[in-house]
């Protein structure tokens, strides 16, 4: 493989850090996120925060992560997402799977 191809593949990978506000705890939001991340082959984690928000770190192919963000904006049927803060970070490739942090 050429160096250009390796660089191109690297740039297709992204990492995002998300905070979701609203009615997002006690509505199976974390499980919803995990199931969709696994289906999209996105890695990282999701956890509830003491202030009622949900935090997500997600890594993967740019298009798959974009699809995950679309799902996260909606959430499961019982959720009511009122705000999402998304920050793009440097891709690290540190996760082998997507999991829930308890």
PDB file of N, CA and C in Angstrom:
ATOM      1  N   UNK A   1       0.834  -1.189   0.000  1.00  0.00           N
ATOM      2  CA  UNK A   1       0.000   0.000   0.000  1.00  0.00           C
ATOM      3  C   UNK A   1       0.877   1.250   0.000  1.00  0.00           C
ATOM      4  N   UNK A   2       0.428   2.247  -0.685  1.00  0.00           N
ATOM      5  CA  UNK A   2       1.177   3.496  -0.702  1.00  0.00           C
ATOM      6  C   UNK A   2       0.873   4.313   0.547  1.00  0.00           C
ATOM      7  N   UNK A   3       1.755   5.228   0.855  1.00  0.00           N
ATOM      8  CA  UNK A   3       1.540   6.102   2.008  1.00  0.00           C
ATOM      9  C   UNK A   3       0.302   6.961   1.816  1.00  0.00           C
ATOM     10  N   UNK A   4       0.041   7.397   0.587  1.00  0.00           N
ATOM     11  CA  UNK A   4      -1.129   8.218   0.315  1.00  0.00           C
ATOM     12  C   UNK A   4      -2.421   7.479   0.650  1.00  0.00           C
ATOM     13  N   UNK A   5      -2.492   6.203   0.301  1.00  0.00           N
ATOM     14  CA  UNK A   5      -3.686   5.423   0.591  1.00  0.00           C
ATOM     15  C   UNK A   5      -3.884   5.283   2.095  1.00  0.00           C
ATOM     16  N   UNK A   6      -2.807   5.047   2.815  1.00  0.00           N
ATOM     17  CA  UNK A   6      -2.912   4.937   4.269  1.00  0.00           C
ATOM     18  C   UNK A   6      -3.373   6.251   4.869  1.00  0.00           C
ATOM     19  N   UNK A   7      -2.823   7.346   4.386  1.00  0.00           N
ATOM     20  CA  UNK A   7      -3.223   8.653   4.898  1.00  0.00           C
ATOM     21  C   UNK A   7      -4.691   8.931   4.586  1.00  0.00           C
ATOM     22  N   UNK A   8      -5.109   8.577   3.386  1.00  0.00           N
ATOM     23  CA  UNK A   8      -6.495   8.791   2.988  1.00  0.00           C
ATOM     24  C   UNK A   8      -7.442   7.999   3.897  1.00  0.00           C
ATOM     25  N   UNK A   9      -7.105   6.738   4.170  1.00  0.00           N
ATOM     26  CA  UNK A   9      -7.945   5.939   5.064  1.00  0.00           C
ATOM     27  C   UNK A   9      -7.999   6.548   6.451  1.00  0.00           C
ATOM     28  N   UNK A  10      -6.875   7.050   6.944  1.00  0.00           N
ATOM     29  CA  UNK A  10      -6.827   7.658   8.274  1.00  0.00           C
ATOM     30  C   UNK A  10      -7.760   8.859   8.331  1.00  0.00           C
ATOM     31  N   UNK A  11      -7.741   9.688   7.287  1.00  0.00           N
ATOM     32  CA  UNK A  11      -8.563  10.893   7.283  1.00  0.00           C
ATOM     33  C   UNK A  11     -10.051  10.581   7.195  1.00  0.00           C
ATOM     34  N   UNK A  12     -10.411   9.402   6.738  1.00  0.00           N
ATOM     35  CA  UNK A  12     -11.817   9.022   6.670  1.00  0.00           C
ATOM     36  C   UNK A  12     -12.366   8.639   8.039  1.00  0.00           C
ATOM     37  N   UNK A  13     -11.501   8.535   9.028  1.00  0.00           N
ATOM     38  CA  UNK A  13     -11.909   8.177  10.384  1.00  0.00           C
ATOM     39  C   UNK A  13     -12.043   9.442  11.222  1.00  0.00           C
ATOM     40  N   UNK A  14     -13.061   9.471  12.057  1.00  0.00           N
ATOM     41  CA  UNK A  14     -13.295  10.637  12.904  1.00  0.00           C
ATOM     42  C   UNK A  14     -13.578  10.204  14.337  1.00  0.00           C
ATOM     43  N   UNK A  15     -13.425  11.152  15.234  1.00  0.00           N
ATOM     44  CA  UNK A  15     -13.756  10.972  16.646  1.00  0.00           C
ATOM     45  C   UNK A  15     -14.589  12.183  17.046  1.00  0.00           C
ATOM     46  N   UNK A  16     -15.697  11.922  17.731  1.00  0.00           N
ATOM     47  CA  UNK A  16     -16.518  13.017  18.215  1.00  0.00           C
ATOM     48  C   UNK A  16     -16.827  12.822  19.697  1.00  0.00           C
ATOM     49  N   UNK A  17     -17.029  13.943  20.361  1.00  0.00           N
ATOM     50  CA  UNK A  17     -17.395  13.970  21.775  1.00  0.00           C
ATOM     51  C   UNK A  17     -18.742  14.687  21.837  1.00  0.00           C
ATOM     52  N   UNK A  18     -19.751  14.015  22.377  1.00  0.00           N
ATOM     53  CA  UNK A  18     -21.117  14.539  22.356  1.00  0.00           C
ATOM     54  C   UNK A  18     -21.678  14.624  23.770  1.00  0.00           C
ATOM     55  N   UNK A  19     -22.402  15.707  24.041  1.00  0.00           N
ATOM     56  CA  UNK A  19     -23.206  15.841  25.255  1.00  0.00           C
ATOM     57  C   UNK A  19     -24.647  16.045  24.821  1.00  0.00           C
ATOM     58  N   UNK A  20     -25.552  15.212  25.353  1.00  0.00           N
ATOM     59  CA  UNK A  20     -26.966  15.285  25.002  1.00  0.00           C
ATOM     60  C   UNK A  20     -27.751  15.699  26.234  1.00  0.00           C
ATOM     61  N   UNK A  21     -28.603  16.710  26.060  1.00  0.00           N
ATOM     62  CA  UNK A  21     -29.455  17.202  27.146  1.00  0.00           C
ATOM     63  C   UNK A  21     -30.907  16.900  26.828  1.00  0.00           C
ATOM     64  N   UNK A  22     -31.720  16.893  27.871  1.00  0.00           N
ATOM     65  CA  UNK A  22     -33.152  16.659  27.740  1.00  0.00           C
ATOM     66  C   UNK A  22     -33.563  15.497  28.611  1.00  0.00           C
ATOM     67  N   UNK A  23     -34.654  14.862  28.238  1.00  0.00           N
ATOM     68  CA  UNK A  23     -35.089  13.654  28.946  1.00  0.00           C
ATOM     69  C   UNK A  23     -34.370  12.476  28.291  1.00  0.00           C
ATOM     70  N   UNK A  24     -33.145  12.219  28.769  1.00  0.00           N
ATOM     71  CA  UNK A  24     -32.302  11.207  28.133  1.00  0.00           C
ATOM     72  C   UNK A  24     -31.786  10.160  29.120  1.00  0.00           C
ATOM     73  N   UNK A  25     -32.223  10.250  30.357  1.00  0.00           N
ATOM     74  CA  UNK A  25     -31.871   9.219  31.328  1.00  0.00           C
ATOM     75  C   UNK A  25     -33.142   8.502  31.756  1.00  0.00           C
ATOM     76  N   UNK A  26     -33.003   7.234  32.086  1.00  0.00           N
ATOM     77  CA  UNK A  26     -34.137   6.369  32.469  1.00  0.00           C
ATOM     78  C   UNK A  26     -35.124   6.148  31.321  1.00  0.00           C
ATOM     79  N   UNK A  27     -34.626   6.213  30.089  1.00  0.00           N
ATOM     80  CA  UNK A  27     -35.463   5.969  28.906  1.00  0.00           C
ATOM     81  C   UNK A  27     -34.759   5.014  27.937  1.00  0.00           C
ATOM     82  N   UNK A  28     -33.765   4.271  28.431  1.00  0.00           N
ATOM     83  CA  UNK A  28     -32.984   3.311  27.630  1.00  0.00           C
ATOM     84  C   UNK A  28     -32.156   3.996  26.540  1.00  0.00           C
ATOM     85  N   UNK A  29     -31.776   5.241  26.802  1.00  0.00           N
ATOM     86  CA  UNK A  29     -31.003   6.005  25.829  1.00  0.00           C
ATOM     87  C   UNK A  29     -29.628   5.381  25.575  1.00  0.00           C
ATOM     88  N   UNK A  30     -28.923   5.003  26.641  1.00  0.00           N
ATOM     89  CA  UNK A  30     -27.584   4.420  26.479  1.00  0.00           C
ATOM     90  C   UNK A  30     -27.644   3.125  25.679  1.00  0.00           C
ATOM     91  N   UNK A  31     -28.617   2.283  25.966  1.00  0.00           N
ATOM     92  CA  UNK A  31     -28.761   1.031  25.216  1.00  0.00           C
ATOM     93  C   UNK A  31     -29.071   1.324  23.746  1.00  0.00           C
ATOM     94  N   UNK A  32     -29.921   2.303  23.504  1.00  0.00           N
ATOM     95  CA  UNK A  32     -30.264   2.728  22.147  1.00  0.00           C
ATOM     96  C   UNK A  32     -29.005   3.150  21.387  1.00  0.00           C
ATOM     97  N   UNK A  33     -28.171   3.972  22.031  1.00  0.00           N
ATOM     98  CA  UNK A  33     -26.943   4.449  21.403  1.00  0.00           C
ATOM     99  C   UNK A  33     -26.004   3.279  21.119  1.00  0.00           C
ATOM    100  N   UNK A  34     -25.851   2.398  22.102  1.00  0.00           N
ATOM    101  CA  UNK A  34     -24.945   1.256  21.937  1.00  0.00           C
ATOM    102  C   UNK A  34     -25.383   0.369  20.775  1.00  0.00           C
ATOM    103  N   UNK A  35     -26.669   0.039  20.701  1.00  0.00           N
ATOM    104  CA  UNK A  35     -27.159  -0.827  19.621  1.00  0.00           C
ATOM    105  C   UNK A  35     -26.901  -0.211  18.248  1.00  0.00           C
ATOM    106  N   UNK A  36     -27.154   1.082  18.101  1.00  0.00           N
ATOM    107  CA  UNK A  36     -26.937   1.739  16.814  1.00  0.00           C
ATOM    108  C   UNK A  36     -25.452   1.856  16.487  1.00  0.00           C
ATOM    109  N   UNK A  37     -24.632   2.136  17.485  1.00  0.00           N
ATOM    110  CA  UNK A  37     -23.188   2.216  17.248  1.00  0.00           C
ATOM    111  C   UNK A  37     -22.642   0.876  16.768  1.00  0.00           C
ATOM    112  N   UNK A  38     -23.048  -0.196  17.418  1.00  0.00           N
ATOM    113  CA  UNK A  38     -22.579  -1.531  17.021  1.00  0.00           C
ATOM    114  C   UNK A  38     -23.041  -1.860  15.601  1.00  0.00           C
ATOM    115  N   UNK A  39     -24.291  -1.537  15.285  1.00  0.00           N
ATOM    116  CA  UNK A  39     -24.812  -1.803  13.939  1.00  0.00           C
ATOM    117  C   UNK A  39     -24.032  -1.030  12.874  1.00  0.00           C
ATOM    118  N   UNK A  40     -23.523   0.144  13.236  1.00  0.00           N
ATOM    119  CA  UNK A  40     -22.777   0.982  12.295  1.00  0.00           C
ATOM    120  C   UNK A  40     -21.269   0.737  12.345  1.00  0.00           C
ATOM    121  N   UNK A  41     -20.842  -0.153  13.224  1.00  0.00           N
ATOM    122  CA  UNK A  41     -19.416  -0.443  13.408  1.00  0.00           C
ATOM    123  C   UNK A  41     -18.656   0.786  13.911  1.00  0.00           C
ATOM    124  N   UNK A  42     -19.307   1.542  14.805  1.00  0.00           N
ATOM    125  CA  UNK A  42     -18.703   2.697  15.458  1.00  0.00           C
ATOM    126  C   UNK A  42     -18.254   2.241  16.839  1.00  0.00           C
ATOM    127  N   UNK A  43     -17.081   2.676  17.279  1.00  0.00           N
ATOM    128  CA  UNK A  43     -16.555   2.292  18.583  1.00  0.00           C
ATOM    129  C   UNK A  43     -16.567   3.480  19.537  1.00  0.00           C
ATOM    130  N   UNK A  44     -16.447   3.175  20.840  1.00  0.00           N
ATOM    131  CA  UNK A  44     -16.415   4.230  21.850  1.00  0.00           C
ATOM    132  C   UNK A  44     -17.240   3.851  23.052  1.00  0.00           C
ATOM    133  N   UNK A  45     -17.857   4.861  23.679  1.00  0.00           N
ATOM    134  CA  UNK A  45     -18.673   4.590  24.867  1.00  0.00           C
ATOM    135  C   UNK A  45     -19.750   5.648  25.054  1.00  0.00           C
ATOM    136  N   UNK A  46     -20.709   5.304  25.916  1.00  0.00           N
ATOM    137  CA  UNK A  46     -21.791   6.209  26.302  1.00  0.00           C
ATOM    138  C   UNK A  46     -21.989   6.084  27.798  1.00  0.00           C
ATOM    139  N   UNK A  47     -22.284   7.216  28.478  1.00  0.00           N
ATOM    140  CA  UNK A  47     -22.547   7.154  29.913  1.00  0.00           C
ATOM    141  C   UNK A  47     -23.475   8.275  30.343  1.00  0.00           C
ATOM    142  N   UNK A  48     -24.196   8.026  31.435  1.00  0.00           N
ATOM    143  CA  UNK A  48     -25.022   9.036  32.069  1.00  0.00           C
ATOM    144  C   UNK A  48     -24.139   9.932  32.920  1.00  0.00           C
ATOM    145  N   UNK A  49     -24.471  11.209  32.973  1.00  0.00           N
ATOM    146  CA  UNK A  49     -23.754  12.153  33.820  1.00  0.00           C
ATOM    147  C   UNK A  49     -24.637  12.567  35.001  1.00  0.00           C
ATOM    148  N   UNK A  50     -24.038  12.964  36.110  1.00  0.00           N
ATOM    149  CA  UNK A  50     -24.820  13.346  37.291  1.00  0.00           C
ATOM    150  C   UNK A  50     -25.783  14.508  37.049  1.00  0.00           C
ATOM    151  N   UNK A  51     -25.497  15.366  36.064  1.00  0.00           N
ATOM    152  CA  UNK A  51     -26.362  16.517  35.797  1.00  0.00           C
ATOM    153  C   UNK A  51     -27.555  16.187  34.900  1.00  0.00           C
ATOM    154  N   UNK A  52     -27.738  14.895  34.559  1.00  0.00           N
ATOM    155  CA  UNK A  52     -28.873  14.476  33.739  1.00  0.00           C
ATOM    156  C   UNK A  52     -28.575  14.359  32.250  1.00  0.00           C
ATOM    157  N   UNK A  53     -27.379  14.777  31.844  1.00  0.00           N
ATOM    158  CA  UNK A  53     -26.986  14.650  30.442  1.00  0.00           C
ATOM    159  C   UNK A  53     -26.443  13.250  30.171  1.00  0.00           C
ATOM    160  N   UNK A  54     -26.282  12.963  28.887  1.00  0.00           N
ATOM    161  CA  UNK A  54     -25.605  11.741  28.441  1.00  0.00           C
ATOM    162  C   UNK A  54     -24.375  12.187  27.661  1.00  0.00           C
ATOM    163  N   UNK A  55     -23.256  11.495  27.890  1.00  0.00           N
ATOM    164  CA  UNK A  55     -22.000  11.806  27.218  1.00  0.00           C
ATOM    165  C   UNK A  55     -21.610  10.631  26.328  1.00  0.00           C
ATOM    166  N   UNK A  56     -21.103  10.939  25.136  1.00  0.00           N
ATOM    167  CA  UNK A  56     -20.700   9.906  24.179  1.00  0.00           C
ATOM    168  C   UNK A  56     -19.346  10.274  23.582  1.00  0.00           C
ATOM    169  N   UNK A  57     -18.483   9.280  23.488  1.00  0.00           N
ATOM    170  CA  UNK A  57     -17.278   9.375  22.666  1.00  0.00           C
ATOM    171  C   UNK A  57     -17.462   8.325  21.578  1.00  0.00           C
ATOM    172  N   UNK A  58     -17.354   8.729  20.321  1.00  0.00           N
ATOM    173  CA  UNK A  58     -17.558   7.797  19.214  1.00  0.00           C
ATOM    174  C   UNK A  58     -16.458   7.969  18.176  1.00  0.00           C
ATOM    175  N   UNK A  59     -15.975   6.829  17.659  1.00  0.00           N
ATOM    176  CA  UNK A  59     -14.957   6.829  16.617  1.00  0.00           C
ATOM    177  C   UNK A  59     -15.368   5.869  15.507  1.00  0.00           C
ATOM    178  N   UNK A  60     -15.003   6.233  14.290  1.00  0.00           N
ATOM    179  CA  UNK A  60     -15.263   5.351  13.174  1.00  0.00           C
ATOM    180  C   UNK A  60     -15.195   6.082  11.854  1.00  0.00           C
ATOM    181  N   UNK A  61     -15.663   5.413  10.810  1.00  0.00           N
ATOM    182  CA  UNK A  61     -15.701   6.023   9.491  1.00  0.00           C
ATOM    183  C   UNK A  61     -16.625   7.234   9.533  1.00  0.00           C
ATOM    184  N   UNK A  62     -16.202   8.296   8.870  1.00  0.00           N
ATOM    185  CA  UNK A  62     -16.919   9.566   8.910  1.00  0.00           C
ATOM    186  C   UNK A  62     -18.414   9.415   8.612  1.00  0.00           C
ATOM    187  N   UNK A  63     -18.759   8.702   7.558  1.00  0.00           N
ATOM    188  CA  UNK A  63     -20.171   8.556   7.184  1.00  0.00           C
ATOM    189  C   UNK A  63     -20.964   7.767   8.228  1.00  0.00           C
ATOM    190  N   UNK A  64     -20.340   6.769   8.819  1.00  0.00           N
ATOM    191  CA  UNK A  64     -21.018   5.964   9.854  1.00  0.00           C
ATOM    192  C   UNK A  64     -21.243   6.794  11.115  1.00  0.00           C
ATOM    193  N   UNK A  65     -20.256   7.606  11.471  1.00  0.00           N
ATOM    194  CA  UNK A  65     -20.403   8.468  12.648  1.00  0.00           C
ATOM    195  C   UNK A  65     -21.489   9.517  12.402  1.00  0.00           C
ATOM    196  N   UNK A  66     -21.556  10.040  11.182  1.00  0.00           N
ATOM    197  CA  UNK A  66     -22.626  10.992  10.841  1.00  0.00           C
ATOM    198  C   UNK A  66     -23.997  10.333  11.000  1.00  0.00           C
ATOM    199  N   UNK A  67     -24.117   9.082  10.547  1.00  0.00           N
ATOM    200  CA  UNK A  67     -25.384   8.362  10.707  1.00  0.00           C
ATOM    201  C   UNK A  67     -25.727   8.180  12.185  1.00  0.00           C
ATOM    202  N   UNK A  68     -24.709   7.886  12.977  1.00  0.00           N
ATOM    203  CA  UNK A  68     -24.945   7.715  14.410  1.00  0.00           C
ATOM    204  C   UNK A  68     -25.445   9.019  15.037  1.00  0.00           C
ATOM    205  N   UNK A  69     -24.862  10.140  14.636  1.00  0.00           N
ATOM    206  CA  UNK A  69     -25.305  11.432  15.155  1.00  0.00           C
ATOM    207  C   UNK A  69     -26.783  11.659  14.837  1.00  0.00           C
ATOM    208  N   UNK A  70     -27.210  11.279  13.645  1.00  0.00           N
ATOM    209  CA  UNK A  70     -28.626  11.413  13.292  1.00  0.00           C
ATOM    210  C   UNK A  70     -29.510  10.608  14.246  1.00  0.00           C
ATOM    211  N   UNK A  71     -29.081   9.396  14.590  1.00  0.00           N
ATOM    212  CA  UNK A  71     -29.848   8.565  15.528  1.00  0.00           C
ATOM    213  C   UNK A  71     -29.845   9.177  16.924  1.00  0.00           C
ATOM    214  N   UNK A  72     -28.692   9.687  17.344  1.00  0.00           N
ATOM    215  CA  UNK A  72     -28.546  10.269  18.678  1.00  0.00           C
ATOM    216  C   UNK A  72     -29.453  11.488  18.842  1.00  0.00           C
ATOM    217  N   UNK A  73     -29.603  12.260  17.782  1.00  0.00           N
ATOM    218  CA  UNK A  73     -30.473  13.444  17.836  1.00  0.00           C
ATOM    219  C   UNK A  73     -31.920  13.060  18.115  1.00  0.00           C
ATOM    220  N   UNK A  74     -32.320  11.904  17.636  1.00  0.00           N
ATOM    221  CA  UNK A  74     -33.693  11.444  17.822  1.00  0.00           C
ATOM    222  C   UNK A  74     -33.850  10.695  19.139  1.00  0.00           C
ATOM    223  N   UNK A  75     -32.984   9.733  19.393  1.00  0.00           N
ATOM    224  CA  UNK A  75     -33.066   8.927  20.606  1.00  0.00           C
ATOM    225  C   UNK A  75     -34.197   7.921  20.545  1.00  0.00           C
ATOM    226  N   UNK A  76     -34.356   7.130  21.603  1.00  0.00           N
ATOM    227  CA  UNK A  76     -35.436   6.143  21.653  1.00  0.00           C
ATOM    228  C   UNK A  76     -36.792   6.843  21.820  1.00  0.00           C
ATOM    229  N   UNK A  77     -37.889   6.117  21.642  1.00  0.00           N
ATOM    230  CA  UNK A  77     -39.222   6.739  21.686  1.00  0.00           C
ATOM    231  C   UNK A  77     -39.524   7.545  22.951  1.00  0.00           C
ATOM    232  N   UNK A  78     -39.067   7.107  24.113  1.00  0.00           N
ATOM    233  CA  UNK A  78     -39.388   7.800  25.367  1.00  0.00           C
ATOM    234  C   UNK A  78     -38.495   9.011  25.635  1.00  0.00           C
ATOM    235  N   UNK A  79     -37.450   9.183  24.860  1.00  0.00           N
ATOM    236  CA  UNK A  79     -36.517  10.297  25.075  1.00  0.00           C
ATOM    237  C   UNK A  79     -37.051  11.588  24.464  1.00  0.00           C
ATOM    238  N   UNK A  80     -36.586  12.690  25.022  1.00  0.00           N
ATOM    239  CA  UNK A  80     -36.874  14.016  24.474  1.00  0.00           C
ATOM    240  C   UNK A  80     -35.559  14.787  24.464  1.00  0.00           C
ATOM    241  N   UNK A  81     -34.885  14.778  23.340  1.00  0.00           N
ATOM    242  CA  UNK A  81     -33.598  15.454  23.210  1.00  0.00           C
ATOM    243  C   UNK A  81     -33.850  16.941  23.012  1.00  0.00           C
ATOM    244  N   UNK A  82     -33.270  17.760  23.902  1.00  0.00           N
ATOM    245  CA  UNK A  82     -33.463  19.202  23.792  1.00  0.00           C
ATOM    246  C   UNK A  82     -32.223  19.928  23.259  1.00  0.00           C
ATOM    247  N   UNK A  83     -31.041  19.354  23.453  1.00  0.00           N
ATOM    248  CA  UNK A  83     -29.818  19.997  22.973  1.00  0.00           C
ATOM    249  C   UNK A  83     -28.715  18.962  22.785  1.00  0.00           C
ATOM    250  N   UNK A  84     -27.890  19.196  21.781  1.00  0.00           N
ATOM    251  CA  UNK A  84     -26.728  18.339  21.535  1.00  0.00           C
ATOM    252  C   UNK A  84     -25.527  19.233  21.279  1.00  0.00           C
ATOM    253  N   UNK A  85     -24.464  18.980  22.024  1.00  0.00           N
ATOM    254  CA  UNK A  85     -23.189  19.654  21.790  1.00  0.00           C
ATOM    255  C   UNK A  85     -22.231  18.615  21.227  1.00  0.00           C
ATOM    256  N   UNK A  86     -21.693  18.886  20.043  1.00  0.00           N
ATOM    257  CA  UNK A  86     -20.791  17.945  19.386  1.00  0.00           C
ATOM    258  C   UNK A  86     -19.466  18.645  19.118  1.00  0.00           C
ATOM    259  N   UNK A  87     -18.394  17.991  19.524  1.00  0.00           N
ATOM    260  CA  UNK A  87     -17.052  18.512  19.258  1.00  0.00           C
ATOM    261  C   UNK A  87     -16.244  17.436  18.540  1.00  0.00           C
ATOM    262  N   UNK A  88     -15.652  17.816  17.427  1.00  0.00           N
ATOM    263  CA  UNK A  88     -14.797  16.874  16.698  1.00  0.00           C
ATOM    264  C   UNK A  88     -13.421  16.856  17.353  1.00  0.00           C
ATOM    265  N   UNK A  89     -12.907  15.679  17.550  1.00  0.00           N
ATOM    266  CA  UNK A  89     -11.600  15.491  18.186  1.00  0.00           C
ATOM    267  C   UNK A  89     -10.678  14.770  17.206  1.00  0.00           C
ATOM    268  N   UNK A  90      -9.425  14.643  17.598  1.00  0.00           N
ATOM    269  CA  UNK A  90      -8.469  13.900  16.783  1.00  0.00           C
ATOM    270  C   UNK A  90      -8.757  12.407  16.917  1.00  0.00           C
ATOM    271  N   UNK A  91      -8.847  11.718  15.793  1.00  0.00           N
ATOM    272  CA  UNK A  91      -9.092  10.270  15.798  1.00  0.00           C
ATOM    273  C   UNK A  91      -7.924   9.564  16.469  1.00  0.00           C
ATOM    274  N   UNK A  92      -8.237   8.674  17.411  1.00  0.00           N
ATOM    275  CA  UNK A  92      -7.197   7.938  18.138  1.00  0.00           C
ATOM    276  C   UNK A  92      -7.223   6.439  17.862  1.00  0.00           C
ATOM    277  N   UNK A  93      -8.360   5.897  17.486  1.00  0.00           N
ATOM    278  CA  UNK A  93      -8.462   4.468  17.243  1.00  0.00           C
ATOM    279  C   UNK A  93      -8.231   3.633  18.491  1.00  0.00           C
ATOM    280  N   UNK A  94      -8.643   4.152  19.633  1.00  0.00           N
ATOM    281  CA  UNK A  94      -8.327   3.484  20.896  1.00  0.00           C
ATOM    282  C   UNK A  94      -9.338   2.424  21.337  1.00  0.00           C
ATOM    283  N   UNK A  95     -10.477   2.326  20.684  1.00  0.00           N
ATOM    284  CA  UNK A  95     -11.517   1.390  21.122  1.00  0.00           C
ATOM    285  C   UNK A  95     -11.655   0.224  20.156  1.00  0.00           C
ATOM    286  N   UNK A  96     -11.966  -0.949  20.703  1.00  0.00           N
ATOM    287  CA  UNK A  96     -12.213  -2.131  19.894  1.00  0.00           C
ATOM    288  C   UNK A  96     -13.718  -2.382  19.720  1.00  0.00           C
ATOM    289  N   UNK A  97     -14.531  -1.752  20.581  1.00  0.00           N
ATOM    290  CA  UNK A  97     -15.973  -1.951  20.542  1.00  0.00           C
ATOM    291  C   UNK A  97     -16.660  -0.716  21.106  1.00  0.00           C
ATOM    292  N   UNK A  98     -17.983  -0.755  21.143  1.00  0.00           N
ATOM    293  CA  UNK A  98     -18.758   0.321  21.762  1.00  0.00           C
ATOM    294  C   UNK A  98     -19.386  -0.248  23.023  1.00  0.00           C
ATOM    295  N   UNK A  99     -19.292   0.501  24.119  1.00  0.00           N
ATOM    296  CA  UNK A  99     -19.785  -0.025  25.393  1.00  0.00           C
ATOM    297  C   UNK A  99     -20.433   1.079  26.233  1.00  0.00           C
ATOM    298  N   UNK A 100     -21.184   0.633  27.228  1.00  0.00           N
ATOM    299  CA  UNK A 100     -21.817   1.532  28.193  1.00  0.00           C
ATOM    300  C   UNK A 100     -20.920   1.635  29.405  1.00  0.00           C
ATOM    301  N   UNK A 101     -20.668   2.858  29.847  1.00  0.00           N
ATOM    302  CA  UNK A 101     -19.913   3.095  31.073  1.00  0.00           C
ATOM    303  C   UNK A 101     -20.932   3.282  32.197  1.00  0.00           C
ATOM    304  N   UNK A 102     -20.772   2.491  33.246  1.00  0.00           N
ATOM    305  CA  UNK A 102     -21.687   2.592  34.403  1.00  0.00           C
ATOM    306  C   UNK A 102     -21.018   3.301  35.543  1.00  0.00           C
TER     307      UNK A 102
END
